[in-house]
N, C-alpha and C. Protein backbone atom coordinates (compact mmCIF):
# COMPACT_ATOMS: atom_id res chain seq x y z
N UNK A 1 -2.44 13.32 -11.87
CA UNK A 1 -2.33 13.64 -10.47
C UNK A 1 -0.95 13.17 -9.98
N UNK A 2 -0.30 13.99 -9.18
CA UNK A 2 1.03 13.70 -8.65
C UNK A 2 0.95 12.69 -7.50
N UNK A 3 2.03 11.96 -7.30
CA UNK A 3 2.07 10.93 -6.25
C UNK A 3 1.69 11.47 -4.87
N UNK A 4 2.16 12.68 -4.54
CA UNK A 4 1.88 13.24 -3.22
C UNK A 4 0.38 13.55 -3.04
N UNK A 5 -0.27 13.99 -4.10
CA UNK A 5 -1.72 14.23 -4.02
C UNK A 5 -2.48 12.92 -3.81
N UNK A 6 -2.06 11.90 -4.52
CA UNK A 6 -2.67 10.58 -4.38
C UNK A 6 -2.46 10.07 -2.95
N UNK A 7 -1.25 10.24 -2.44
CA UNK A 7 -0.93 9.79 -1.09
C UNK A 7 -1.81 10.49 -0.05
N UNK A 8 -2.07 11.78 -0.24
CA UNK A 8 -2.94 12.51 0.70
C UNK A 8 -4.34 11.91 0.73
N UNK A 9 -4.85 11.56 -0.44
CA UNK A 9 -6.18 10.94 -0.51
C UNK A 9 -6.19 9.56 0.15
N UNK A 10 -5.12 8.81 -0.04
CA UNK A 10 -5.02 7.48 0.57
C UNK A 10 -4.97 7.59 2.09
N UNK A 11 -4.15 8.50 2.60
CA UNK A 11 -4.04 8.69 4.05
C UNK A 11 -5.37 9.14 4.64
N UNK A 12 -6.06 10.04 3.96
CA UNK A 12 -7.36 10.50 4.45
C UNK A 12 -8.36 9.35 4.50
N UNK A 13 -8.37 8.53 3.46
CA UNK A 13 -9.28 7.38 3.42
C UNK A 13 -8.93 6.37 4.51
N UNK A 14 -7.63 6.12 4.72
CA UNK A 14 -7.20 5.19 5.77
C UNK A 14 -7.62 5.69 7.14
N UNK A 15 -7.49 7.00 7.37
CA UNK A 15 -7.91 7.60 8.64
C UNK A 15 -9.41 7.38 8.85
N UNK A 16 -10.20 7.64 7.82
CA UNK A 16 -11.65 7.48 7.91
C UNK A 16 -12.02 6.03 8.23
N UNK A 17 -11.37 5.09 7.55
CA UNK A 17 -11.66 3.67 7.75
C UNK A 17 -11.26 3.24 9.16
N UNK A 18 -10.08 3.66 9.60
CA UNK A 18 -9.59 3.28 10.93
C UNK A 18 -10.49 3.86 12.01
N UNK A 19 -10.96 5.08 11.82
CA UNK A 19 -11.87 5.71 12.78
C UNK A 19 -13.20 4.97 12.84
N UNK A 20 -13.67 4.53 11.69
CA UNK A 20 -14.97 3.85 11.62
C UNK A 20 -14.90 2.39 12.08
N UNK A 21 -13.94 1.64 11.57
CA UNK A 21 -13.86 0.21 11.85
C UNK A 21 -12.98 -0.14 13.04
N UNK A 22 -12.02 0.72 13.34
CA UNK A 22 -11.09 0.44 14.42
C UNK A 22 -9.97 -0.48 13.99
N UNK A 23 -9.01 -0.71 14.88
CA UNK A 23 -7.88 -1.58 14.56
C UNK A 23 -8.21 -3.05 14.79
N UNK A 24 -7.39 -3.91 14.18
CA UNK A 24 -7.43 -5.32 14.53
C UNK A 24 -8.21 -6.26 13.64
N UNK A 25 -8.87 -5.77 12.59
CA UNK A 25 -9.55 -6.68 11.66
C UNK A 25 -8.52 -7.34 10.75
N UNK A 26 -8.94 -8.29 9.98
CA UNK A 26 -8.04 -8.93 9.03
C UNK A 26 -7.59 -7.94 7.96
N UNK A 27 -6.37 -8.12 7.50
CA UNK A 27 -5.81 -7.27 6.46
C UNK A 27 -6.70 -7.25 5.22
N UNK A 28 -7.27 -8.39 4.86
CA UNK A 28 -8.11 -8.48 3.66
C UNK A 28 -9.34 -7.59 3.75
N UNK A 29 -9.86 -7.39 4.95
CA UNK A 29 -11.01 -6.49 5.14
C UNK A 29 -10.60 -5.06 4.84
N UNK A 30 -9.47 -4.64 5.41
CA UNK A 30 -8.99 -3.27 5.16
C UNK A 30 -8.65 -3.06 3.69
N UNK A 31 -8.10 -4.07 3.05
CA UNK A 31 -7.77 -3.96 1.63
C UNK A 31 -9.03 -3.71 0.79
N UNK A 32 -10.06 -4.49 1.05
CA UNK A 32 -11.30 -4.35 0.29
C UNK A 32 -11.96 -2.99 0.56
N UNK A 33 -12.01 -2.59 1.81
CA UNK A 33 -12.68 -1.34 2.17
C UNK A 33 -11.88 -0.14 1.67
N UNK A 34 -10.55 -0.18 1.79
CA UNK A 34 -9.73 0.93 1.29
C UNK A 34 -9.86 1.04 -0.22
N UNK A 35 -9.83 -0.07 -0.92
CA UNK A 35 -10.02 -0.04 -2.38
C UNK A 35 -11.35 0.59 -2.75
N UNK A 36 -12.40 0.20 -2.05
CA UNK A 36 -13.73 0.76 -2.28
C UNK A 36 -13.75 2.27 -2.02
N UNK A 37 -13.19 2.68 -0.89
CA UNK A 37 -13.19 4.10 -0.50
C UNK A 37 -12.41 4.95 -1.50
N UNK A 38 -11.29 4.44 -1.98
CA UNK A 38 -10.50 5.20 -2.96
C UNK A 38 -11.21 5.29 -4.31
N UNK A 39 -11.90 4.24 -4.70
CA UNK A 39 -12.67 4.29 -5.94
C UNK A 39 -13.81 5.30 -5.82
N UNK A 40 -14.43 5.37 -4.65
CA UNK A 40 -15.47 6.38 -4.43
C UNK A 40 -14.91 7.79 -4.62
N UNK A 41 -13.64 7.96 -4.33
CA UNK A 41 -13.00 9.27 -4.45
C UNK A 41 -12.44 9.52 -5.85
N UNK A 42 -12.76 8.61 -6.77
CA UNK A 42 -12.40 8.82 -8.17
C UNK A 42 -11.04 8.28 -8.58
N UNK A 43 -10.41 7.48 -7.73
CA UNK A 43 -9.10 6.94 -8.06
C UNK A 43 -9.22 5.53 -8.61
N UNK A 44 -8.37 5.22 -9.56
CA UNK A 44 -8.30 3.86 -10.10
C UNK A 44 -7.51 3.01 -9.11
N UNK A 45 -8.08 1.88 -8.73
CA UNK A 45 -7.44 1.00 -7.75
C UNK A 45 -7.41 -0.42 -8.29
N UNK A 46 -6.23 -1.03 -8.23
CA UNK A 46 -6.08 -2.43 -8.62
C UNK A 46 -5.53 -3.17 -7.41
N UNK A 47 -6.15 -4.32 -7.11
CA UNK A 47 -5.75 -5.10 -5.94
C UNK A 47 -4.90 -6.30 -6.34
N UNK A 48 -4.02 -6.70 -5.45
CA UNK A 48 -3.18 -7.89 -5.58
C UNK A 48 -2.45 -7.94 -6.93
N UNK A 49 -1.65 -6.93 -7.15
CA UNK A 49 -0.90 -6.78 -8.40
C UNK A 49 0.35 -7.68 -8.37
N UNK A 50 0.49 -8.61 -9.32
CA UNK A 50 1.73 -9.38 -9.36
C UNK A 50 2.88 -8.49 -9.81
N UNK A 51 3.99 -8.60 -9.12
CA UNK A 51 5.18 -7.82 -9.49
C UNK A 51 6.26 -8.81 -9.90
N UNK A 52 6.54 -8.87 -11.19
CA UNK A 52 7.52 -9.86 -11.67
C UNK A 52 8.95 -9.50 -11.24
N UNK A 53 9.75 -10.52 -11.08
CA UNK A 53 11.17 -10.37 -10.82
C UNK A 53 11.88 -10.68 -12.12
N UNK A 54 12.74 -9.75 -12.57
CA UNK A 54 13.50 -9.97 -13.79
C UNK A 54 14.93 -10.32 -13.40
N UNK A 55 15.36 -11.47 -13.89
CA UNK A 55 16.70 -11.95 -13.58
C UNK A 55 17.29 -12.52 -14.86
N UNK A 56 18.41 -11.95 -15.30
CA UNK A 56 19.07 -12.39 -16.53
C UNK A 56 18.10 -12.47 -17.70
N UNK A 57 17.37 -11.42 -17.94
CA UNK A 57 16.39 -11.28 -19.03
C UNK A 57 15.21 -12.25 -18.92
N UNK A 58 15.08 -12.93 -17.81
CA UNK A 58 13.93 -13.81 -17.59
C UNK A 58 13.00 -13.13 -16.57
N UNK A 59 11.70 -13.20 -16.85
CA UNK A 59 10.71 -12.61 -15.95
C UNK A 59 10.00 -13.72 -15.19
N UNK A 60 10.00 -13.59 -13.87
CA UNK A 60 9.37 -14.58 -13.00
C UNK A 60 8.23 -13.92 -12.24
N UNK A 61 7.03 -14.47 -12.37
CA UNK A 61 5.86 -13.89 -11.71
C UNK A 61 5.62 -14.45 -10.32
N UNK A 62 6.42 -15.37 -9.88
CA UNK A 62 6.21 -16.01 -8.59
C UNK A 62 6.55 -15.07 -7.43
N UNK A 63 5.75 -15.16 -6.40
CA UNK A 63 6.17 -14.60 -5.12
C UNK A 63 5.65 -13.25 -4.71
N UNK A 64 5.74 -12.25 -5.54
CA UNK A 64 5.43 -10.90 -5.09
C UNK A 64 4.06 -10.44 -5.57
N UNK A 65 3.28 -9.91 -4.65
CA UNK A 65 1.99 -9.29 -4.97
C UNK A 65 1.84 -8.06 -4.11
N UNK A 66 1.66 -6.92 -4.75
CA UNK A 66 1.40 -5.68 -4.01
C UNK A 66 -0.09 -5.65 -3.67
N UNK A 67 -0.42 -5.18 -2.47
CA UNK A 67 -1.82 -5.16 -2.06
C UNK A 67 -2.67 -4.25 -2.94
N UNK A 68 -2.23 -3.00 -3.12
CA UNK A 68 -2.99 -2.05 -3.93
C UNK A 68 -2.04 -1.23 -4.80
N UNK A 69 -2.47 -0.95 -6.01
CA UNK A 69 -1.81 0.03 -6.86
C UNK A 69 -2.85 1.10 -7.13
N UNK A 70 -2.55 2.33 -6.73
CA UNK A 70 -3.53 3.42 -6.82
C UNK A 70 -3.10 4.40 -7.91
N UNK A 71 -4.02 4.65 -8.83
CA UNK A 71 -3.81 5.58 -9.95
C UNK A 71 -2.58 5.20 -10.78
N UNK A 72 -2.20 3.94 -10.75
CA UNK A 72 -1.05 3.50 -11.51
C UNK A 72 0.28 4.04 -11.02
N UNK A 73 0.28 4.72 -9.85
CA UNK A 73 1.49 5.40 -9.39
C UNK A 73 1.94 5.05 -7.98
N UNK A 74 1.02 4.77 -7.08
CA UNK A 74 1.37 4.59 -5.67
C UNK A 74 1.03 3.15 -5.25
N UNK A 75 2.04 2.47 -4.71
CA UNK A 75 1.82 1.13 -4.18
C UNK A 75 1.48 1.25 -2.70
N UNK A 76 0.42 0.55 -2.29
CA UNK A 76 0.01 0.55 -0.89
C UNK A 76 0.14 -0.88 -0.37
N UNK A 77 0.94 -1.04 0.67
CA UNK A 77 1.12 -2.33 1.31
C UNK A 77 0.44 -2.25 2.67
N UNK A 78 -0.49 -3.14 2.92
CA UNK A 78 -1.29 -3.10 4.14
C UNK A 78 -0.85 -4.16 5.12
N UNK A 79 -0.94 -3.81 6.39
CA UNK A 79 -0.69 -4.74 7.48
C UNK A 79 -1.77 -4.54 8.53
N UNK A 80 -1.98 -5.55 9.34
CA UNK A 80 -2.86 -5.45 10.51
C UNK A 80 -2.17 -6.22 11.63
N UNK A 81 -1.08 -5.64 12.10
CA UNK A 81 -0.22 -6.28 13.09
C UNK A 81 0.02 -5.32 14.26
N UNK A 82 0.49 -5.88 15.36
CA UNK A 82 0.76 -5.04 16.53
C UNK A 82 1.87 -4.02 16.24
N UNK A 83 2.91 -4.47 15.55
CA UNK A 83 4.03 -3.58 15.24
C UNK A 83 4.61 -3.96 13.89
N UNK A 84 4.91 -2.96 13.08
CA UNK A 84 5.53 -3.17 11.78
C UNK A 84 7.01 -3.48 12.00
N UNK A 85 7.51 -4.48 11.31
CA UNK A 85 8.92 -4.85 11.39
C UNK A 85 9.71 -4.12 10.31
N UNK A 86 11.00 -3.91 10.52
CA UNK A 86 11.82 -3.26 9.48
C UNK A 86 11.75 -3.97 8.13
N UNK A 87 11.56 -5.28 8.13
CA UNK A 87 11.48 -6.01 6.86
C UNK A 87 10.27 -5.59 6.03
N UNK A 88 9.20 -5.12 6.65
CA UNK A 88 8.02 -4.68 5.90
C UNK A 88 8.34 -3.45 5.05
N UNK A 89 9.14 -2.53 5.58
CA UNK A 89 9.55 -1.35 4.81
C UNK A 89 10.46 -1.75 3.66
N UNK A 90 11.37 -2.69 3.93
CA UNK A 90 12.26 -3.18 2.88
C UNK A 90 11.48 -3.88 1.78
N UNK A 91 10.47 -4.63 2.17
CA UNK A 91 9.61 -5.33 1.21
C UNK A 91 8.94 -4.32 0.28
N UNK A 92 8.40 -3.25 0.84
CA UNK A 92 7.73 -2.24 0.02
C UNK A 92 8.74 -1.55 -0.90
N UNK A 93 9.93 -1.24 -0.41
CA UNK A 93 10.94 -0.62 -1.25
C UNK A 93 11.32 -1.54 -2.41
N UNK A 94 11.40 -2.83 -2.16
CA UNK A 94 11.68 -3.80 -3.23
C UNK A 94 10.55 -3.79 -4.25
N UNK A 95 9.29 -3.76 -3.79
CA UNK A 95 8.15 -3.68 -4.71
C UNK A 95 8.25 -2.44 -5.58
N UNK A 96 8.59 -1.31 -4.97
CA UNK A 96 8.70 -0.06 -5.72
C UNK A 96 9.78 -0.17 -6.80
N UNK A 97 10.91 -0.73 -6.43
CA UNK A 97 12.01 -0.86 -7.40
C UNK A 97 11.64 -1.80 -8.55
N UNK A 98 11.06 -2.95 -8.20
CA UNK A 98 10.71 -3.93 -9.24
C UNK A 98 9.61 -3.41 -10.16
N UNK A 99 8.68 -2.64 -9.61
CA UNK A 99 7.56 -2.11 -10.41
C UNK A 99 7.88 -0.76 -11.04
N UNK A 100 9.06 -0.23 -10.75
CA UNK A 100 9.49 1.09 -11.24
C UNK A 100 8.50 2.18 -10.85
N UNK A 101 8.11 2.18 -9.59
CA UNK A 101 7.23 3.22 -9.02
C UNK A 101 8.05 4.03 -8.03
N UNK A 102 7.59 5.26 -7.75
CA UNK A 102 8.37 6.16 -6.91
C UNK A 102 7.89 6.28 -5.48
N UNK A 103 6.62 6.00 -5.22
CA UNK A 103 6.09 6.22 -3.87
C UNK A 103 5.24 5.04 -3.42
N UNK A 104 5.45 4.66 -2.18
CA UNK A 104 4.64 3.62 -1.57
C UNK A 104 4.23 4.02 -0.17
N UNK A 105 3.11 3.51 0.27
CA UNK A 105 2.65 3.72 1.63
C UNK A 105 2.49 2.37 2.31
N UNK A 106 3.10 2.25 3.47
CA UNK A 106 2.93 1.08 4.32
C UNK A 106 1.94 1.50 5.40
N UNK A 107 0.77 0.87 5.40
CA UNK A 107 -0.29 1.26 6.34
C UNK A 107 -0.59 0.07 7.24
N UNK A 108 -0.39 0.29 8.54
CA UNK A 108 -0.68 -0.75 9.54
C UNK A 108 -1.98 -0.40 10.25
N UNK A 109 -3.04 -1.10 9.90
CA UNK A 109 -4.34 -0.87 10.53
C UNK A 109 -4.41 -1.47 11.93
N UNK A 110 -3.36 -2.16 12.36
CA UNK A 110 -3.31 -2.71 13.71
C UNK A 110 -2.86 -1.69 14.74
N UNK A 111 -2.37 -0.54 14.30
CA UNK A 111 -1.90 0.50 15.22
C UNK A 111 -3.09 1.12 15.96
N UNK A 112 -2.86 1.48 17.22
CA UNK A 112 -3.92 2.12 18.01
C UNK A 112 -4.33 3.44 17.38
N UNK A 113 -3.36 4.22 16.90
CA UNK A 113 -3.61 5.47 16.19
C UNK A 113 -3.09 5.31 14.77
N UNK A 114 -3.92 5.57 13.80
CA UNK A 114 -3.54 5.34 12.40
C UNK A 114 -2.34 6.20 12.01
N UNK A 115 -2.21 7.39 12.59
CA UNK A 115 -1.07 8.26 12.25
C UNK A 115 0.25 7.58 12.59
N UNK A 116 0.23 6.70 13.60
CA UNK A 116 1.44 5.95 13.96
C UNK A 116 1.64 4.72 13.09
N UNK A 117 0.66 4.40 12.27
CA UNK A 117 0.72 3.21 11.45
C UNK A 117 0.98 3.47 9.98
N UNK A 118 1.28 4.72 9.60
CA UNK A 118 1.49 5.05 8.19
C UNK A 118 2.94 5.46 7.97
N UNK A 119 3.59 4.78 7.01
CA UNK A 119 4.97 5.08 6.68
C UNK A 119 5.08 5.30 5.17
N UNK A 120 5.71 6.40 4.78
CA UNK A 120 6.00 6.67 3.37
C UNK A 120 7.33 6.01 3.03
N UNK A 121 7.37 5.34 1.90
CA UNK A 121 8.60 4.74 1.41
C UNK A 121 8.80 5.26 -0.01
N UNK A 122 9.98 5.79 -0.28
CA UNK A 122 10.22 6.40 -1.59
C UNK A 122 11.33 5.66 -2.33
N UNK A 123 11.21 5.71 -3.64
CA UNK A 123 12.18 5.13 -4.55
C UNK A 123 12.50 6.20 -5.59
N UNK A 124 13.61 6.87 -5.45
CA UNK A 124 14.02 7.92 -6.38
C UNK A 124 13.02 9.05 -6.50
N UNK A 125 12.35 9.44 -5.44
CA UNK A 125 11.36 10.53 -5.49
C UNK A 125 12.02 11.82 -5.03
């Protein structure tokens, strides 16, 4: 399955969850429910993926964890905040580069309308 098809399924699931649960819950709740919903739709989902930093041929596992990796191709970074900061997009782009993935979704479940809380971030796509 192509990254864009996976992304469509993720966005649809996020919309369904946001409509049902509403904004403002803890990020960990949305992470668990989104993972469950995507697995129901037949996608492989891994939560809290460590992303190592490689520096001078040394690999360091400290510091970075992606919220969700979907189908081994799309990184999903979740927030539940009033407003996403520019650093959140940069963080996801760094995750994509370090993990050698091409597409990421930054989803803010704190947004009043979920369509305003979803940002695509690409790395060489």
